[in-house]
N, C-alpha and C. Protein backbone atom coordinates (compact mmCIF):
# COMPACT_ATOMS: atom_id res chain seq x y z
N MET A 1 -38.24 13.42 -20.89
CA MET A 1 -38.97 12.97 -19.83
C MET A 1 -38.16 12.53 -18.63
N ARG A 2 -38.21 13.37 -17.69
CA ARG A 2 -37.33 13.13 -16.54
C ARG A 2 -37.65 11.81 -15.75
N SER A 3 -38.89 11.40 -15.74
CA SER A 3 -39.30 10.26 -14.98
C SER A 3 -39.06 8.93 -15.77
N GLY A 4 -38.55 8.91 -16.88
CA GLY A 4 -38.38 7.78 -17.66
C GLY A 4 -39.18 7.83 -18.94
N TYR A 5 -39.21 6.78 -19.68
CA TYR A 5 -40.02 6.75 -20.87
C TYR A 5 -41.43 6.50 -20.66
N GLY A 6 -42.33 7.09 -21.44
CA GLY A 6 -43.80 6.78 -21.35
C GLY A 6 -44.61 7.89 -20.88
N GLN A 7 -44.35 8.63 -19.80
CA GLN A 7 -45.17 9.63 -19.26
C GLN A 7 -44.46 10.93 -19.16
N PRO A 8 -44.86 11.98 -19.83
CA PRO A 8 -44.17 13.30 -19.69
C PRO A 8 -44.49 13.97 -18.38
N GLU A 9 -43.73 14.82 -17.89
CA GLU A 9 -43.94 15.59 -16.70
C GLU A 9 -44.90 16.65 -17.04
N ILE A 10 -45.75 17.17 -16.05
CA ILE A 10 -46.76 18.26 -16.33
C ILE A 10 -46.13 19.55 -16.74
N ASP A 11 -44.91 19.82 -16.36
CA ASP A 11 -44.24 21.01 -16.70
C ASP A 11 -43.33 20.88 -17.92
N GLN A 12 -43.39 19.83 -18.64
CA GLN A 12 -42.42 19.55 -19.73
C GLN A 12 -42.87 20.28 -20.95
N GLY A 13 -41.93 20.75 -21.68
CA GLY A 13 -42.27 21.41 -22.98
C GLY A 13 -41.45 20.77 -24.14
N VAL A 14 -41.79 21.31 -25.34
CA VAL A 14 -41.10 20.73 -26.53
C VAL A 14 -40.60 22.04 -27.28
N ASN A 15 -39.32 21.96 -27.72
CA ASN A 15 -38.79 23.08 -28.45
C ASN A 15 -38.30 22.59 -29.82
N TYR A 16 -38.90 23.01 -30.93
CA TYR A 16 -38.57 22.64 -32.24
C TYR A 16 -37.44 23.64 -32.69
N LEU A 17 -36.43 23.11 -33.36
CA LEU A 17 -35.41 23.98 -33.90
C LEU A 17 -35.83 24.61 -35.24
N ALA A 18 -35.17 25.65 -35.69
CA ALA A 18 -35.51 26.32 -36.90
C ALA A 18 -35.48 25.32 -38.02
N GLY A 19 -36.49 25.37 -38.94
CA GLY A 19 -36.52 24.54 -40.05
C GLY A 19 -36.97 23.11 -39.87
N VAL A 20 -37.42 22.85 -38.64
CA VAL A 20 -37.93 21.50 -38.34
C VAL A 20 -39.49 21.40 -38.72
N TRP A 21 -39.81 20.46 -39.50
CA TRP A 21 -41.19 20.25 -39.82
C TRP A 21 -41.77 19.36 -38.75
N HIS A 22 -43.01 19.67 -38.36
CA HIS A 22 -43.71 18.81 -37.28
C HIS A 22 -45.16 18.76 -37.56
N HIS A 23 -45.78 17.79 -37.08
CA HIS A 23 -47.30 17.72 -37.17
C HIS A 23 -47.94 18.67 -36.20
N PRO A 24 -49.12 19.24 -36.50
CA PRO A 24 -49.82 20.03 -35.60
C PRO A 24 -50.07 19.31 -34.20
N LEU A 25 -50.23 20.06 -33.21
CA LEU A 25 -50.45 19.47 -31.90
C LEU A 25 -51.90 18.75 -31.92
N LEU A 26 -51.88 17.57 -31.37
CA LEU A 26 -53.13 16.81 -31.28
C LEU A 26 -53.21 15.98 -30.00
N ALA A 27 -54.32 15.58 -29.61
CA ALA A 27 -54.47 14.74 -28.42
C ALA A 27 -55.16 13.43 -28.82
N LEU A 28 -54.77 12.33 -28.33
CA LEU A 28 -55.41 11.11 -28.64
C LEU A 28 -56.17 10.56 -27.41
N ASP A 29 -57.42 10.23 -27.59
CA ASP A 29 -58.22 9.54 -26.55
C ASP A 29 -58.76 10.49 -25.50
N ALA A 30 -58.48 11.70 -25.50
CA ALA A 30 -59.01 12.65 -24.45
C ALA A 30 -58.87 14.10 -25.00
N VAL A 31 -59.76 15.00 -24.44
CA VAL A 31 -59.61 16.32 -24.71
C VAL A 31 -58.45 16.96 -23.95
N SER A 32 -57.68 17.80 -24.56
CA SER A 32 -56.38 18.29 -23.96
C SER A 32 -56.35 19.80 -24.37
N ASP A 33 -55.70 20.56 -23.43
CA ASP A 33 -55.41 21.98 -23.77
C ASP A 33 -53.92 22.05 -24.10
N PHE A 34 -53.64 22.98 -25.09
CA PHE A 34 -52.26 23.29 -25.49
C PHE A 34 -52.01 24.73 -25.42
N ILE A 35 -50.80 25.14 -25.16
CA ILE A 35 -50.38 26.47 -25.19
C ILE A 35 -49.16 26.61 -26.16
N VAL A 36 -49.20 27.56 -27.05
CA VAL A 36 -48.21 27.77 -27.96
C VAL A 36 -47.53 29.19 -27.70
N ILE A 37 -46.20 29.24 -27.43
CA ILE A 37 -45.56 30.48 -27.15
C ILE A 37 -44.71 30.82 -28.31
N ASP A 38 -44.83 32.03 -28.87
CA ASP A 38 -44.12 32.46 -30.02
C ASP A 38 -43.07 33.46 -29.59
N ARG A 39 -42.04 33.67 -30.33
CA ARG A 39 -41.05 34.59 -29.94
C ARG A 39 -41.38 35.92 -30.36
N LYS A 40 -40.80 37.00 -29.78
CA LYS A 40 -40.99 38.36 -30.08
C LYS A 40 -39.97 38.72 -31.13
N GLY A 41 -40.33 39.85 -31.83
CA GLY A 41 -39.33 40.36 -32.78
C GLY A 41 -39.92 40.54 -34.15
N PRO A 42 -39.30 41.23 -35.03
CA PRO A 42 -39.79 41.42 -36.41
C PRO A 42 -39.55 40.19 -37.26
N GLY A 43 -40.35 40.15 -38.35
CA GLY A 43 -40.16 39.05 -39.27
C GLY A 43 -40.99 37.86 -39.05
N LEU A 44 -41.14 37.06 -40.06
CA LEU A 44 -41.85 35.86 -40.04
C LEU A 44 -40.99 34.71 -39.40
N ASN A 45 -41.53 33.96 -38.51
CA ASN A 45 -40.79 32.86 -37.94
C ASN A 45 -41.50 31.48 -38.05
N CYS A 46 -42.58 31.43 -38.77
CA CYS A 46 -43.35 30.19 -38.96
C CYS A 46 -43.74 30.11 -40.41
N ASP A 47 -43.48 29.05 -41.08
CA ASP A 47 -43.88 28.75 -42.41
C ASP A 47 -45.01 27.74 -42.30
N GLU A 48 -46.21 28.16 -42.77
CA GLU A 48 -47.35 27.27 -42.80
C GLU A 48 -47.60 26.75 -44.17
N VAL A 49 -47.84 25.57 -44.32
CA VAL A 49 -48.17 24.86 -45.66
C VAL A 49 -49.50 24.27 -45.53
N MET A 50 -50.50 24.62 -46.28
CA MET A 50 -51.89 24.06 -46.31
C MET A 50 -51.98 22.90 -47.33
N LEU A 51 -52.33 21.73 -46.84
CA LEU A 51 -52.39 20.60 -47.72
C LEU A 51 -53.92 20.17 -47.91
N GLU A 52 -54.15 19.59 -49.08
CA GLU A 52 -55.54 19.13 -49.33
C GLU A 52 -55.75 17.93 -48.45
N PRO A 53 -57.01 17.76 -47.96
CA PRO A 53 -57.25 16.48 -47.21
C PRO A 53 -57.03 15.24 -48.08
N ALA A 54 -56.39 14.33 -47.53
CA ALA A 54 -56.13 13.06 -48.26
C ALA A 54 -57.19 11.97 -47.87
N GLY A 55 -57.91 12.10 -46.81
CA GLY A 55 -58.86 11.12 -46.38
C GLY A 55 -59.34 11.39 -44.97
N LEU A 56 -60.13 10.60 -44.46
CA LEU A 56 -60.69 10.64 -43.13
C LEU A 56 -60.51 9.39 -42.33
N ILE A 57 -60.00 9.46 -41.19
CA ILE A 57 -59.79 8.31 -40.30
C ILE A 57 -60.91 8.38 -39.27
N ALA A 58 -61.94 7.48 -39.36
CA ALA A 58 -63.08 7.50 -38.47
C ALA A 58 -62.73 7.05 -37.09
N SER A 59 -61.81 6.06 -36.96
CA SER A 59 -61.50 5.57 -35.63
C SER A 59 -60.15 4.81 -35.70
N ILE A 60 -59.43 4.81 -34.56
CA ILE A 60 -58.10 4.13 -34.51
C ILE A 60 -58.13 3.24 -33.24
N LYS A 61 -57.82 2.01 -33.32
CA LYS A 61 -57.68 1.21 -32.11
C LYS A 61 -56.20 1.11 -31.83
N LEU A 62 -55.84 1.62 -30.65
CA LEU A 62 -54.45 1.56 -30.24
C LEU A 62 -54.18 0.44 -29.28
């Protein structure tokens, strides 16, 4: 975050390294659009693991 901690820049991106596990993209408190750019080339480059739902969070107070 170039402007300091707390607010990202509108043109800021996130790059995950190979083998890094991360949570799916989500937005809190507002509807948001996301774009995912994948690399070109042969072979698989994404490992997806489907988990059984553990529960439901109805609301969160932040």
